[in-house]
Amino acid sequence: MQKRALKNLSALSLALILGFGGYALLNPLLLRDLKHSAELWLGGVRPIWSSAGLSGYKVGSCNPATMQCQCFALIHGLGDQALGWRKFLLDTQKTDWGQKQKWVALNMPLNPKNPSVRAIARQVEEALKPLCTKWTVVGNSFGGWIGAWTAIQYDDVHRLVLIGSAGLKQTRTDTGASYFSSPTVASLKDFLNKAYAHPRNDLSDQTLAIVVEKMKSTGLKSLMESQTSDDDLDHAIRNLKKPVTLIWGEKDQIISPKTGKLFQKLIPRSKYIEISDCGHLPQKECPHDLTLILEQQSSSPLH
């Protein structure tokens, strides 16, 4: 009886493994994510799940109480995920400075009950609070918008880094927003061509079609349409008294460097830095440049 049960269990396990393996082969996006997750694991990056309902990745076990250690929260943009910080996370571990910091990349909630960026910022703060007492929040694109509200609303955020950030009134009608309202394979190809200084052509139409369906199912259109003038940063960001670094890819065609310079005018004592020969996603296209900039800026005094 016991032998038969073990045999049946083994057969079921094998069927599940083969079934999942077959599904992964039919879903190139899942296969790619599994590969990237394995690369992170081998690089010492570990998955996390927070009580606030957000998952992600972390690396670094330094003591935040020491001057050498700082905690960095990484927030991705629309249509992306925490895995999008893979190259950057791995790059930080190639430098002595990066190894001494604590890095946390969060997945933003899918179909949140309250889609306001301010409400999502509260969820981010709840996820970060148990992990560290002082944070530098780093946000890219729509994640910059969320990160800015996190810095505005919470005292435990001591520094803010905006990378090709959305959030100003004009960016709700910028080029980038239109790609997520009614995505298609053609519009996604156009986005990728404009998001990178050196566009990649490594994603097949089959993979892009899966991405499009995923984007439609996660309520991105509803998320964008839910933001109101109260969520815009144009006025609230003016009163931010924390150090702010604005990082833009020189060849960003999604949210223009002109927007970065407008942020600079609005935020007292902010610093604007352009990465040459880089597009909208420096964490993917120019990760080492981003690591060096964060190292340099993190040493500047708090004001």
Protein backbone atom coordinates (compact mmCIF):
# COMPACT_ATOMS: atom_id res chain seq x y z
CA MET A 1 0.00 0.00 0.00
CA GLN A 2 2.80 2.39 0.99
CA LYS A 3 4.87 1.51 -2.09
CA ARG A 4 1.85 2.14 -4.33
CA ALA A 5 1.26 5.53 -2.67
CA LEU A 6 4.90 6.51 -3.16
CA LYS A 7 4.76 5.36 -6.77
CA ASN A 8 1.60 7.41 -7.40
CA LEU A 9 3.17 10.45 -5.70
CA SER A 10 6.31 10.12 -7.83
CA ALA A 11 4.21 9.85 -10.99
CA LEU A 12 2.20 12.93 -9.99
CA SER A 13 5.37 14.90 -9.23
CA LEU A 14 6.87 13.93 -12.58
CA ALA A 15 3.66 14.92 -14.38
CA LEU A 16 3.65 18.31 -12.64
CA ILE A 17 7.31 18.92 -13.51
CA LEU A 18 6.80 17.90 -17.13
CA GLY A 19 3.60 19.92 -17.34
CA PHE A 20 5.25 23.04 -15.93
CA GLY A 21 8.27 22.50 -18.15
CA GLY A 22 6.04 22.17 -21.19
CA TYR A 23 4.14 25.33 -20.24
CA ALA A 24 7.42 27.20 -19.81
CA LEU A 25 8.54 26.12 -23.25
CA LEU A 26 5.25 27.36 -24.71
CA ASN A 27 5.55 30.62 -22.75
CA PRO A 28 8.89 32.23 -23.66
CA LEU A 29 8.23 35.13 -21.27
CA LEU A 30 8.00 32.76 -18.31
CA LEU A 31 11.10 30.92 -19.49
CA ARG A 32 13.01 34.22 -19.69
CA ASP A 33 11.85 35.25 -16.20
CA LEU A 34 12.95 31.89 -14.78
CA LYS A 35 16.37 32.35 -16.37
CA HIS A 36 16.71 35.87 -14.99
CA SER A 37 15.55 34.75 -11.53
CA ALA A 38 18.21 32.04 -11.58
CA GLU A 39 20.86 34.62 -12.51
CA LEU A 40 19.83 36.74 -9.52
CA TRP A 41 19.94 33.74 -7.20
CA LEU A 42 23.44 32.82 -8.35
CA GLY A 43 24.44 36.46 -7.79
CA GLY A 44 23.30 36.33 -4.16
CA VAL A 45 19.97 38.14 -4.72
CA ARG A 46 17.05 36.60 -2.84
CA PRO A 47 13.25 36.87 -3.25
CA ILE A 48 11.20 38.59 -0.56
CA TRP A 49 7.52 38.79 0.37
CA SER A 50 6.25 41.59 2.57
CA SER A 51 3.28 41.74 4.94
CA ALA A 52 2.05 44.68 2.84
CA GLY A 53 1.42 42.28 -0.03
CA LEU A 54 4.39 43.28 -2.17
CA SER A 55 7.02 40.83 -3.38
CA GLY A 56 10.44 41.54 -4.84
CA TYR A 57 14.15 40.91 -4.41
CA LYS A 58 16.83 41.93 -1.94
CA VAL A 59 20.59 41.72 -1.66
CA GLY A 60 22.92 42.91 1.07
CA SER A 61 22.97 42.01 4.74
CA CYS A 62 24.83 45.04 6.07
CA ASN A 63 23.89 46.77 9.29
CA PRO A 64 21.98 50.00 8.45
CA ALA A 65 23.14 51.42 11.81
CA THR A 66 26.65 51.83 10.42
CA MET A 67 27.65 54.83 8.33
CA GLN A 68 28.89 52.59 5.51
CA CYS A 69 25.50 50.98 4.94
CA GLN A 70 22.50 52.60 3.31
CA CYS A 71 19.17 51.10 2.28
CA PHE A 72 17.96 51.60 -1.30
CA ALA A 73 14.41 50.87 -2.48
CA LEU A 74 14.03 50.35 -6.25
CA ILE A 75 10.64 51.00 -7.85
CA HIS A 76 9.96 50.03 -11.47
CA GLY A 77 7.71 51.68 -14.03
CA LEU A 78 4.50 50.64 -15.78
CA GLY A 79 4.57 47.29 -17.54
CA ASP A 80 7.81 46.31 -15.81
CA GLN A 81 8.63 44.28 -12.70
CA ALA A 82 11.26 43.98 -9.98
CA LEU A 83 13.19 41.65 -12.30
CA GLY A 84 13.76 44.72 -14.48
CA TRP A 85 16.43 45.79 -11.98
CA ARG A 86 18.34 42.51 -12.52
CA LYS A 87 21.35 43.94 -14.37
CA PHE A 88 21.64 46.82 -11.93
CA LEU A 89 21.38 44.61 -8.82
CA LEU A 90 24.07 42.29 -10.18
CA ASP A 91 26.25 45.27 -11.08
CA THR A 92 26.08 46.69 -7.54
CA GLN A 93 27.58 43.46 -6.25
CA LYS A 94 30.65 43.94 -8.46
CA THR A 95 31.72 47.04 -6.52
CA ASP A 96 32.99 47.29 -2.94
CA TRP A 97 30.56 50.15 -2.26
CA GLY A 98 27.57 48.28 -3.69
CA GLN A 99 28.25 45.21 -1.59
CA LYS A 100 28.12 47.33 1.57
CA GLN A 101 24.60 48.62 0.87
CA LYS A 102 21.17 47.02 1.23
CA TRP A 103 19.12 46.86 -1.98
CA VAL A 104 15.41 46.06 -2.24
CA ALA A 105 13.54 45.94 -5.57
CA LEU A 106 9.76 45.77 -5.18
CA ASN A 107 7.05 44.53 -7.53
CA MET A 108 4.30 47.10 -7.74
CA PRO A 109 0.79 45.76 -7.00
CA LEU A 110 -1.28 44.42 -9.89
CA ASN A 111 -4.83 45.77 -10.09
CA PRO A 112 -4.56 47.61 -6.72
CA LYS A 113 -7.81 48.26 -4.85
CA ASN A 114 -6.88 51.94 -4.64
CA PRO A 115 -4.95 52.83 -7.80
CA SER A 116 -3.92 56.32 -6.68
CA VAL A 117 -0.13 56.77 -6.71
CA ARG A 118 -0.42 58.15 -3.17
CA ALA A 119 -2.17 54.97 -2.01
CA ILE A 120 0.46 52.79 -3.72
CA ALA A 121 3.14 54.92 -2.01
CA ARG A 122 1.55 54.04 1.35
CA GLN A 123 1.77 50.35 0.44
CA VAL A 124 5.43 50.78 -0.50
CA GLU A 125 6.15 52.47 2.82
CA GLU A 126 4.45 49.62 4.72
CA ALA A 127 6.61 47.10 2.86
CA LEU A 128 9.84 49.00 3.54
CA LYS A 129 9.31 49.97 7.17
CA PRO A 130 10.21 46.58 8.75
CA LEU A 131 13.37 46.27 6.63
CA CYS A 132 15.20 49.50 7.43
CA THR A 133 14.69 52.79 9.26
CA LYS A 134 16.19 55.13 6.65
CA TRP A 135 15.70 54.79 2.91
CA THR A 136 16.90 56.18 -0.37
CA VAL A 137 14.01 55.62 -2.79
CA VAL A 138 14.96 55.16 -6.44
CA GLY A 139 12.08 55.25 -8.94
CA ASN A 140 12.05 54.87 -12.71
CA SER A 141 9.28 56.33 -14.91
CA PHE A 142 5.89 55.69 -13.22
CA GLY A 143 7.88 54.24 -10.33
CA GLY A 144 9.47 57.66 -9.91
CA TRP A 145 6.01 59.14 -9.45
CA ILE A 146 5.28 56.57 -6.72
CA GLY A 147 8.72 57.09 -5.20
CA ALA A 148 8.27 60.86 -5.08
CA TRP A 149 5.00 60.52 -3.14
CA THR A 150 6.68 58.03 -0.81
CA ALA A 151 9.37 60.64 -0.08
CA ILE A 152 6.81 63.43 0.32
CA GLN A 153 4.57 61.46 2.70
CA TYR A 154 7.09 59.61 4.89
CA ASP A 155 9.93 60.78 7.13
CA ASP A 156 11.84 57.49 6.87
CA VAL A 157 12.71 58.33 3.24
CA HIS A 158 15.82 60.51 3.52
CA ARG A 159 16.81 60.71 -0.15
CA LEU A 160 15.00 60.51 -3.47
CA VAL A 161 16.36 59.52 -6.87
CA LEU A 162 14.11 60.00 -9.91
CA ILE A 163 15.12 58.25 -13.15
CA GLY A 164 13.25 59.39 -16.27
CA SER A 165 10.34 60.06 -13.94
CA ALA A 166 6.67 60.65 -14.65
CA GLY A 167 4.49 62.63 -12.25
CA LEU A 168 4.26 66.13 -13.65
CA LYS A 169 0.98 67.13 -15.24
CA GLN A 170 2.49 67.20 -18.74
CA THR A 171 3.80 63.61 -18.50
CA ARG A 172 0.27 62.23 -18.31
CA THR A 173 0.02 63.10 -21.99
CA ASP A 174 3.66 62.41 -22.86
CA THR A 175 4.65 59.77 -25.39
CA GLY A 176 5.12 57.05 -22.76
CA ALA A 177 1.57 57.13 -21.40
CA SER A 178 -0.06 56.30 -24.74
CA TYR A 179 1.76 52.97 -25.03
CA PHE A 180 -0.03 51.50 -22.03
CA SER A 181 -3.62 52.62 -22.68
CA SER A 182 -4.26 50.20 -25.57
CA PRO A 183 -1.09 48.15 -26.08
CA THR A 184 -0.46 46.14 -29.24
CA VAL A 185 2.55 44.23 -30.53
CA ALA A 186 3.28 47.12 -32.92
CA SER A 187 3.03 49.79 -30.20
CA LEU A 188 5.21 47.72 -27.87
CA LYS A 189 7.87 47.42 -30.57
CA ASP A 190 7.75 51.19 -31.03
CA PHE A 191 8.07 51.70 -27.25
CA LEU A 192 11.16 49.46 -27.09
CA ASN A 193 12.73 51.27 -30.03
CA LYS A 194 12.28 54.60 -28.26
CA ALA A 195 13.07 53.40 -24.74
CA TYR A 196 16.63 52.37 -25.57
CA ALA A 197 19.47 54.39 -27.06
CA HIS A 198 20.45 51.14 -28.74
CA PRO A 199 17.19 49.24 -29.35
CA ARG A 200 17.17 45.50 -28.87
CA ASN A 201 15.42 43.06 -31.18
CA ASP A 202 15.65 39.97 -28.98
CA LEU A 203 11.92 39.56 -28.31
CA SER A 204 9.82 37.61 -30.81
CA ASP A 205 6.29 38.62 -31.80
CA GLN A 206 5.05 35.63 -29.78
CA THR A 207 6.75 36.94 -26.65
CA LEU A 208 5.52 40.49 -27.27
CA ALA A 209 1.96 39.20 -27.72
CA ILE A 210 2.18 37.54 -24.30
CA VAL A 211 3.48 40.80 -22.81
CA VAL A 212 0.59 42.72 -24.38
CA GLU A 213 -2.01 40.35 -22.90
CA LYS A 214 -0.32 40.57 -19.50
CA MET A 215 -0.38 44.36 -19.68
CA LYS A 216 -4.09 44.34 -20.51
CA SER A 217 -4.90 41.95 -17.65
CA THR A 218 -3.09 43.99 -15.00
CA GLY A 219 -5.25 47.07 -15.38
CA LEU A 220 -2.55 49.49 -16.53
CA LYS A 221 -5.05 51.61 -18.45
CA SER A 222 -7.29 51.91 -15.38
CA LEU A 223 -4.25 52.73 -13.24
CA MET A 224 -3.25 55.62 -15.49
CA GLU A 225 -6.77 56.94 -15.88
CA SER A 226 -7.29 56.92 -12.09
CA GLN A 227 -4.66 59.58 -11.46
CA THR A 228 -6.04 63.07 -10.92
CA SER A 229 -4.59 66.56 -10.67
CA ASP A 230 -4.26 65.94 -6.91
CA ASP A 231 -1.75 63.19 -7.70
CA ASP A 232 0.42 65.40 -9.92
CA LEU A 233 3.73 66.41 -8.40
CA ASP A 234 3.86 69.94 -9.81
CA HIS A 235 3.01 71.62 -6.50
CA ALA A 236 3.74 69.00 -3.81
CA ILE A 237 7.32 68.41 -5.00
CA ARG A 238 8.21 72.07 -4.49
CA ASN A 239 8.06 71.63 -0.70
CA LEU A 240 10.28 68.55 -0.57
CA LYS A 241 13.23 69.33 1.72
CA LYS A 242 15.17 66.12 1.13
CA PRO A 243 18.12 65.58 -1.24
CA VAL A 244 16.85 64.77 -4.72
CA THR A 245 18.90 63.48 -7.64
CA LEU A 246 17.37 63.56 -11.12
CA ILE A 247 18.86 61.06 -13.56
CA TRP A 248 17.91 61.03 -17.23
CA GLY A 249 19.17 59.10 -20.21
CA GLU A 250 20.45 61.57 -22.77
CA LYS A 251 18.49 59.74 -25.49
CA ASP A 252 15.28 59.14 -23.56
CA GLN A 253 12.43 59.40 -26.08
CA ILE A 254 9.71 58.27 -23.67
CA ILE A 255 9.96 61.06 -21.07
CA SER A 256 12.20 63.75 -22.49
CA PRO A 257 15.23 65.17 -20.62
CA LYS A 258 13.33 68.47 -20.83
CA THR A 259 11.01 67.02 -18.19
CA GLY A 260 14.01 66.27 -15.98
CA LYS A 261 15.12 69.87 -16.24
CA LEU A 262 11.60 71.01 -15.37
CA PHE A 263 11.74 68.81 -12.26
CA GLN A 264 15.04 70.51 -11.42
CA LYS A 265 13.40 73.94 -11.55
CA LEU A 266 10.57 72.78 -9.29
CA ILE A 267 12.64 70.99 -6.64
CA PRO A 268 14.87 73.20 -4.43
CA ARG A 269 18.56 72.20 -4.51
CA SER A 270 17.96 69.12 -6.65
CA LYS A 271 20.78 67.83 -8.84
CA TYR A 272 20.25 66.91 -12.50
CA ILE A 273 22.52 64.32 -14.17
CA GLU A 274 22.33 63.00 -17.73
CA ILE A 275 23.79 59.66 -18.77
CA SER A 276 25.22 59.95 -22.26
CA ASP A 277 24.27 57.40 -24.89
CA CYS A 278 21.51 55.98 -22.69
CA GLY A 279 17.72 55.83 -22.96
CA HIS A 280 14.69 55.64 -20.67
CA LEU A 281 15.81 52.56 -18.72
CA PRO A 282 19.35 53.14 -17.39
CA GLN A 283 18.99 50.25 -14.93
CA LYS A 284 18.80 47.94 -17.94
CA GLU A 285 20.88 49.71 -20.56
CA CYS A 286 23.51 51.53 -18.49
CA PRO A 287 23.54 49.79 -15.08
CA HIS A 288 27.17 50.52 -14.20
CA ASP A 289 26.74 54.24 -14.91
CA LEU A 290 23.77 54.20 -12.55
CA THR A 291 25.75 52.40 -9.85
CA LEU A 292 28.55 54.98 -10.04
CA ILE A 293 26.11 57.91 -9.87
CA LEU A 294 24.33 56.50 -6.82
CA GLU A 295 27.65 55.87 -5.10
CA GLN A 296 28.72 59.46 -5.73
CA GLN A 297 25.39 61.00 -4.71
CA SER A 298 24.97 58.86 -1.60
CA SER A 299 28.09 60.43 -0.11
CA SER A 300 26.64 63.96 -0.32
CA PRO A 301 25.42 65.35 3.02
CA LEU A 302 21.73 65.38 3.94
CA HIS A 303 20.23 68.87 4.00
